[in-house]
């Protein structure tokens, strides 16, 4: 396995478009649910164990060789908000471009051809991880970290939160990140045998509601 590929894929500077998205943090800030480092930690922990777990399991399954189109349908079924489905596919399309440049691979080409408007981001992430020589646990860690890293970075801009405090929040979530990644890999192994129905379907209604509210706002800093 290539640790350099893992570092590149998890790097916030990887041109996958994530900088334009807050992972629901902007809506949470607007609603008063994130006001400081303590509430940011609570938001990120909740997001990690719901949407983050689902994304990590999808990515791990894709990295393990589960059929990407079936996983894309599973991602659709697990994403209640139309705004979040749109954002995920937009991010998937951008990630596909970056991954194709970094690790050209026939499976990436096949997925792009089958879903020219973009596959869901966690599915592309898993396929990209596999193309880069990474395994399911690596893909799960990338997806789990991304689910909290994006909101933490966004809140620095949205609230003027001290970047050191935001980083401390992410560091404090380390054990949770490990737990979610391991749960995701276990689910992915089950999906390889039982089908995508074995993947988690954890819900986060406030993220769905916030995404729809955010998409309707005339003025916003982040796309989602």
Protein backbone atom coordinates (compact mmCIF):
# COMPACT_ATOMS: atom_id res chain seq x y z
CA UNK A 1 0.00 0.00 0.00
CA UNK A 2 1.19 3.50 -0.81
CA UNK A 3 1.30 5.79 2.21
CA UNK A 4 2.20 8.66 -0.11
CA UNK A 5 -1.10 8.12 -1.94
CA UNK A 6 -2.94 8.23 1.38
CA UNK A 7 -1.30 11.54 2.29
CA UNK A 8 -2.11 13.02 -1.11
CA UNK A 9 -5.74 11.88 -1.05
CA UNK A 10 -6.31 13.16 2.50
CA UNK A 11 -4.49 16.46 1.93
CA UNK A 12 -6.82 19.46 2.00
CA UNK A 13 -4.86 20.88 -0.93
CA UNK A 14 -5.82 17.95 -3.16
CA UNK A 15 -7.93 19.71 -5.84
CA UNK A 16 -11.15 17.83 -5.20
CA UNK A 17 -13.37 20.89 -4.60
CA UNK A 18 -13.95 20.39 -0.90
CA UNK A 19 -12.82 23.94 -0.07
CA UNK A 20 -16.11 25.23 -1.51
CA UNK A 21 -18.25 23.14 0.85
CA UNK A 22 -18.76 23.41 4.62
CA UNK A 23 -20.34 20.02 5.29
CA UNK A 24 -23.39 21.68 6.80
CA UNK A 25 -21.38 23.94 9.09
CA UNK A 26 -22.54 27.19 7.47
CA UNK A 27 -26.20 26.26 8.00
CA UNK A 28 -25.43 25.23 11.58
CA UNK A 29 -23.65 28.53 12.24
CA UNK A 30 -26.60 30.46 10.77
CA UNK A 31 -29.00 28.52 13.01
CA UNK A 32 -26.88 29.18 16.10
CA UNK A 33 -25.93 25.54 16.60
CA UNK A 34 -22.20 26.24 16.18
CA UNK A 35 -20.90 29.23 18.12
CA UNK A 36 -17.51 28.15 19.46
CA UNK A 37 -15.03 25.27 19.69
CA UNK A 38 -17.21 23.30 22.10
CA UNK A 39 -20.26 23.37 19.85
CA UNK A 40 -18.06 22.70 16.82
CA UNK A 41 -16.82 19.54 18.52
CA UNK A 42 -20.40 18.42 19.20
CA UNK A 43 -21.43 19.12 15.61
CA UNK A 44 -18.43 17.30 14.13
CA UNK A 45 -18.83 14.30 16.42
CA UNK A 46 -22.49 13.98 15.47
CA UNK A 47 -21.70 14.35 11.78
CA UNK A 48 -18.89 11.81 12.00
CA UNK A 49 -21.06 9.08 13.54
CA UNK A 50 -23.91 9.60 11.04
CA UNK A 51 -23.08 10.99 7.60
CA UNK A 52 -19.40 10.31 8.19
CA UNK A 53 -19.98 6.64 8.96
CA UNK A 54 -22.12 6.20 5.85
CA UNK A 55 -19.52 7.91 3.66
CA UNK A 56 -16.68 5.90 5.18
CA UNK A 57 -18.50 2.62 4.62
CA UNK A 58 -19.27 3.49 1.01
CA UNK A 59 -15.65 4.47 0.39
CA UNK A 60 -14.33 1.33 2.09
CA UNK A 61 -16.67 -0.87 0.05
CA UNK A 62 -15.59 0.78 -3.20
CA UNK A 63 -11.93 0.33 -2.26
CA UNK A 64 -12.71 -3.33 -1.51
CA UNK A 65 -14.03 -3.88 -5.02
CA UNK A 66 -17.79 -3.76 -4.45
CA UNK A 67 -19.59 -2.72 -7.65
CA UNK A 68 -19.40 1.12 -7.80
CA UNK A 69 -22.75 1.58 -9.56
CA UNK A 70 -24.51 -0.43 -6.86
CA UNK A 71 -22.75 1.68 -4.25
CA UNK A 72 -23.82 4.85 -6.03
CA UNK A 73 -27.44 3.73 -5.84
CA UNK A 74 -26.93 2.93 -2.16
CA UNK A 75 -25.53 6.42 -1.60
CA UNK A 76 -28.59 7.92 -3.28
CA UNK A 77 -30.90 5.89 -1.03
CA UNK A 78 -29.02 7.03 2.07
CA UNK A 79 -29.03 10.74 1.19
CA UNK A 80 -32.48 12.14 1.92
CA UNK A 81 -31.73 15.74 0.94
CA UNK A 82 -31.78 16.58 -2.77
CA UNK A 83 -29.34 19.42 -2.08
CA UNK A 84 -26.90 16.98 -0.46
CA UNK A 85 -27.24 14.53 -3.35
CA UNK A 86 -26.40 17.33 -5.78
CA UNK A 87 -23.42 18.45 -3.70
CA UNK A 88 -22.12 14.89 -3.38
CA UNK A 89 -22.23 14.29 -7.12
CA UNK A 90 -20.62 17.65 -7.82
CA UNK A 91 -17.81 16.79 -5.42
CA UNK A 92 -17.55 13.33 -6.95
CA UNK A 93 -17.12 14.78 -10.41
CA UNK A 94 -14.36 17.12 -9.23
CA UNK A 95 -12.64 14.33 -7.29
CA UNK A 96 -12.80 12.13 -10.38
CA UNK A 97 -10.87 14.71 -12.37
CA UNK A 98 -8.20 15.03 -9.71
CA UNK A 99 -7.93 11.28 -9.16
CA UNK A 100 -7.69 10.57 -12.87
CA UNK A 101 -4.74 12.95 -13.12
CA UNK A 102 -3.02 11.40 -10.11
CA UNK A 103 -3.75 7.69 -10.62
CA UNK A 104 -5.10 6.89 -14.12
CA UNK A 105 -7.11 3.70 -13.85
CA UNK A 106 -9.65 1.82 -16.01
CA UNK A 107 -12.15 1.58 -13.14
CA UNK A 108 -12.12 5.36 -12.74
CA UNK A 109 -12.69 5.69 -16.48
CA UNK A 110 -15.56 3.21 -16.39
CA UNK A 111 -17.26 4.99 -13.50
CA UNK A 112 -16.89 8.38 -15.18
CA UNK A 113 -18.35 7.00 -18.41
CA UNK A 114 -21.28 5.36 -16.62
CA UNK A 115 -22.12 8.49 -14.58
CA UNK A 116 -20.94 11.51 -16.59
CA UNK A 117 -22.77 13.92 -14.28
CA UNK A 118 -20.81 12.60 -11.35
CA UNK A 119 -20.93 9.63 -9.02
CA UNK A 120 -21.37 10.22 -5.30
CA UNK A 121 -18.18 11.52 -3.72
CA UNK A 122 -17.55 8.64 -1.26
CA UNK A 123 -17.85 6.11 -4.07
CA UNK A 124 -15.34 7.99 -6.21
CA UNK A 125 -13.10 8.32 -3.15
CA UNK A 126 -13.06 4.56 -2.67
CA UNK A 127 -12.36 3.84 -6.33
CA UNK A 128 -9.61 6.47 -6.32
CA UNK A 129 -8.09 4.94 -3.19
CA UNK A 130 -8.05 1.54 -4.87
CA UNK A 131 -6.43 3.07 -7.97
CA UNK A 132 -3.76 4.63 -5.76
CA UNK A 133 -2.91 1.29 -4.16
CA UNK A 134 -4.79 1.90 -0.92
CA UNK A 135 -7.07 -0.47 0.99
CA UNK A 136 -10.54 -0.18 2.52
CA UNK A 137 -9.29 1.07 5.90
CA UNK A 138 -7.32 3.85 4.22
CA UNK A 139 -10.38 4.88 2.21
CA UNK A 140 -12.54 4.79 5.34
CA UNK A 141 -10.10 6.99 7.25
CA UNK A 142 -10.02 9.50 4.38
CA UNK A 143 -13.81 9.71 4.23
CA UNK A 144 -14.21 9.90 7.99
CA UNK A 145 -11.62 12.63 8.35
CA UNK A 146 -13.10 14.59 5.45
CA UNK A 147 -16.52 14.51 7.14
CA UNK A 148 -15.16 16.59 10.04
CA UNK A 149 -12.15 18.33 8.50
CA UNK A 150 -14.31 20.31 6.08
CA UNK A 151 -16.66 21.73 8.75
CA UNK A 152 -13.77 22.56 11.09
CA UNK A 153 -11.95 24.48 8.38
CA UNK A 154 -15.15 26.24 7.31
CA UNK A 155 -15.93 27.44 10.83
CA UNK A 156 -12.56 29.19 11.00
CA UNK A 157 -13.78 31.34 8.11
CA UNK A 158 -17.40 31.59 9.21
CA UNK A 159 -16.84 32.55 12.84
CA UNK A 160 -13.24 33.68 12.86
CA UNK A 161 -12.55 30.74 15.17
CA UNK A 162 -8.91 30.38 16.18
CA UNK A 163 -7.36 27.80 13.79
CA UNK A 164 -5.52 26.26 16.74
CA UNK A 165 -8.86 25.62 18.45
CA UNK A 166 -10.27 24.08 15.29
CA UNK A 167 -7.25 21.81 15.02
CA UNK A 168 -7.63 20.83 18.66
CA UNK A 169 -11.22 19.80 17.92
CA UNK A 170 -10.02 17.50 15.13
CA UNK A 171 -7.27 16.05 17.31
CA UNK A 172 -9.79 15.37 20.07
CA UNK A 173 -11.91 13.40 17.63
CA UNK A 174 -9.05 10.99 16.92
CA UNK A 175 -10.49 8.01 18.82
CA UNK A 176 -13.90 8.57 17.22
CA UNK A 177 -12.30 8.69 13.77
CA UNK A 178 -10.57 5.37 14.38
CA UNK A 179 -13.79 3.79 15.64
CA UNK A 180 -15.84 5.00 12.67
CA UNK A 181 -13.22 3.86 10.16
CA UNK A 182 -13.12 0.39 11.72
CA UNK A 183 -16.91 0.13 11.78
CA UNK A 184 -16.98 1.21 8.15
CA UNK A 185 -14.55 -1.51 7.09
CA UNK A 186 -16.55 -4.15 8.95
CA UNK A 187 -19.69 -3.01 7.14
CA UNK A 188 -17.88 -2.97 3.80
CA UNK A 189 -16.78 -6.57 4.30
CA UNK A 190 -20.38 -7.53 4.99
CA UNK A 191 -21.51 -5.68 1.87
CA UNK A 192 -19.03 -7.62 -0.24
CA UNK A 193 -20.86 -10.82 0.78
CA UNK A 194 -24.44 -9.74 1.51
CA UNK A 195 -24.85 -6.78 -0.85
CA UNK A 196 -25.06 -3.05 -0.30
CA UNK A 197 -28.06 -3.46 2.02
CA UNK A 198 -25.50 -4.37 4.71
CA UNK A 199 -24.04 -0.87 4.65
CA UNK A 200 -25.02 1.54 7.45
CA UNK A 201 -27.83 4.02 6.87
CA UNK A 202 -27.31 6.36 9.81
CA UNK A 203 -29.39 9.52 9.49
CA UNK A 204 -28.83 13.11 10.53
CA UNK A 205 -32.12 14.98 9.97
CA UNK A 206 -30.72 18.37 10.98
CA UNK A 207 -28.03 18.05 8.32
CA UNK A 208 -30.72 17.30 5.72
CA UNK A 209 -32.92 20.18 6.85
CA UNK A 210 -29.96 22.53 7.06
CA UNK A 211 -28.82 21.58 3.56
CA UNK A 212 -32.22 22.38 2.05
CA UNK A 213 -32.41 25.68 3.95
CA UNK A 214 -28.87 26.57 2.92
CA UNK A 215 -29.51 25.81 -0.76
CA UNK A 216 -32.44 28.25 -0.73
CA UNK A 217 -30.45 31.11 0.78
CA UNK A 218 -29.70 33.97 -1.61
CA UNK A 219 -26.37 34.76 0.05
CA UNK A 220 -23.97 32.13 1.29
CA UNK A 221 -20.22 31.65 1.53
CA UNK A 222 -20.14 27.90 0.80
CA UNK A 223 -21.94 25.80 -1.80
CA UNK A 224 -23.17 23.40 0.88
